[in-house]
């Protein structure tokens, strides 16, 4: 029940007027960028990076593509983000 209430509050909060981006869009973008940086810039383990970038409640579900060096995240099928490793000088960037 607590988790359902939290999700409902996030959805309601995401629909407020006056914001250019929803809270869930910010969460997905943050997780994609930080997870990409953790994995491909600092070279940490996947287990460490998943814990390091998790939020509470954990709504931004990541998908890691090591061959393309990209991280995609999604929340509730409506919000999402993608970050890619751009090189050693620039690190990871959001697409």
Protein backbone atom coordinates (compact mmCIF):
# COMPACT_ATOMS: atom_id res chain seq x y z
CA UNK A 1 0.00 0.00 0.00
CA UNK A 2 2.83 2.41 0.84
CA UNK A 3 4.48 1.77 -2.52
CA UNK A 4 1.19 2.37 -4.37
CA UNK A 5 0.71 5.69 -2.54
CA UNK A 6 4.26 6.76 -3.39
CA UNK A 7 3.74 5.94 -7.07
CA UNK A 8 0.44 7.83 -7.10
CA UNK A 9 2.09 10.87 -5.50
CA UNK A 10 4.87 10.77 -8.11
CA UNK A 11 2.36 10.60 -10.95
CA UNK A 12 0.29 13.46 -9.54
CA UNK A 13 3.42 15.49 -8.91
CA UNK A 14 4.57 14.89 -12.47
CA UNK A 15 1.37 16.48 -13.82
CA UNK A 16 1.73 19.84 -12.01
CA UNK A 17 1.64 23.01 -14.11
CA UNK A 18 4.66 25.26 -14.24
CA UNK A 19 7.38 22.65 -14.69
CA UNK A 20 9.18 22.13 -17.98
CA UNK A 21 10.05 18.52 -17.14
CA UNK A 22 8.33 16.04 -14.87
CA UNK A 23 9.93 14.63 -11.77
CA UNK A 24 9.92 11.17 -13.35
CA UNK A 25 11.66 12.49 -16.47
CA UNK A 26 14.36 13.96 -14.23
CA UNK A 27 14.75 10.68 -12.33
CA UNK A 28 15.12 8.65 -15.53
CA UNK A 29 17.60 11.11 -17.05
CA UNK A 30 19.66 11.26 -13.85
CA UNK A 31 19.86 7.48 -13.58
CA UNK A 32 20.77 6.98 -17.25
CA UNK A 33 23.57 9.56 -17.13
CA UNK A 34 24.98 8.58 -13.75
CA UNK A 35 24.83 4.84 -14.48
CA UNK A 36 26.56 5.38 -17.82
CA UNK A 37 29.29 7.45 -16.15
CA UNK A 38 29.74 4.94 -13.35
CA UNK A 39 30.10 2.02 -15.78
CA UNK A 40 31.98 3.48 -18.74
CA UNK A 41 33.90 6.44 -17.31
CA UNK A 42 34.97 5.22 -13.87
CA UNK A 43 34.88 1.51 -14.75
CA UNK A 44 33.01 0.37 -11.64
CA UNK A 45 31.19 -2.97 -11.50
CA UNK A 46 27.59 -3.21 -12.66
CA UNK A 47 26.47 -4.31 -9.19
CA UNK A 48 28.08 -1.27 -7.56
CA UNK A 49 26.71 1.18 -10.16
CA UNK A 50 23.16 -0.17 -9.92
CA UNK A 51 23.21 0.34 -6.15
CA UNK A 52 24.92 3.73 -6.43
CA UNK A 53 22.32 5.12 -8.84
CA UNK A 54 19.16 3.61 -7.35
CA UNK A 55 16.47 5.83 -5.91
CA UNK A 56 13.68 5.15 -3.44
CA UNK A 57 11.23 4.10 -4.72
CA UNK A 58 13.21 2.50 -7.51
CA UNK A 59 11.13 3.53 -10.54
CA UNK A 60 13.76 4.18 -13.24
CA UNK A 61 14.49 0.72 -14.58
CA UNK A 62 17.79 0.57 -16.49
CA UNK A 63 18.82 -1.34 -19.60
CA UNK A 64 22.58 -1.50 -20.24
CA UNK A 65 24.07 -2.12 -23.70
CA UNK A 66 27.78 -2.71 -23.16
CA UNK A 67 28.57 -3.18 -26.86
CA UNK A 68 27.21 0.30 -27.71
CA UNK A 69 28.16 1.77 -24.32
CA UNK A 70 24.66 3.09 -23.70
CA UNK A 71 22.24 3.07 -20.79
CA UNK A 72 18.49 3.48 -21.24
CA UNK A 73 16.03 3.96 -18.41
CA UNK A 74 12.24 3.86 -18.29
CA UNK A 75 9.58 4.63 -15.69
CA UNK A 76 5.95 3.54 -16.08
CA UNK A 77 6.28 3.26 -19.89
CA UNK A 78 5.77 7.03 -20.22
CA UNK A 79 9.11 8.51 -19.18
CA UNK A 80 12.56 7.52 -20.28
CA UNK A 81 16.07 8.62 -21.10
CA UNK A 82 19.17 7.37 -22.87
CA UNK A 83 22.81 8.19 -22.16
CA UNK A 84 25.81 7.15 -24.24
CA UNK A 85 29.54 7.16 -23.67
CA UNK A 86 30.87 9.89 -25.98
CA UNK A 87 34.58 9.47 -25.28
CA UNK A 88 37.21 9.96 -22.60
CA UNK A 89 37.13 13.78 -22.81
CA UNK A 90 33.35 14.26 -22.63
CA UNK A 91 32.26 11.11 -20.79
CA UNK A 92 28.57 10.24 -20.98
CA UNK A 93 25.95 12.51 -22.51
CA UNK A 94 22.16 12.35 -22.66
CA UNK A 95 20.61 11.77 -26.07
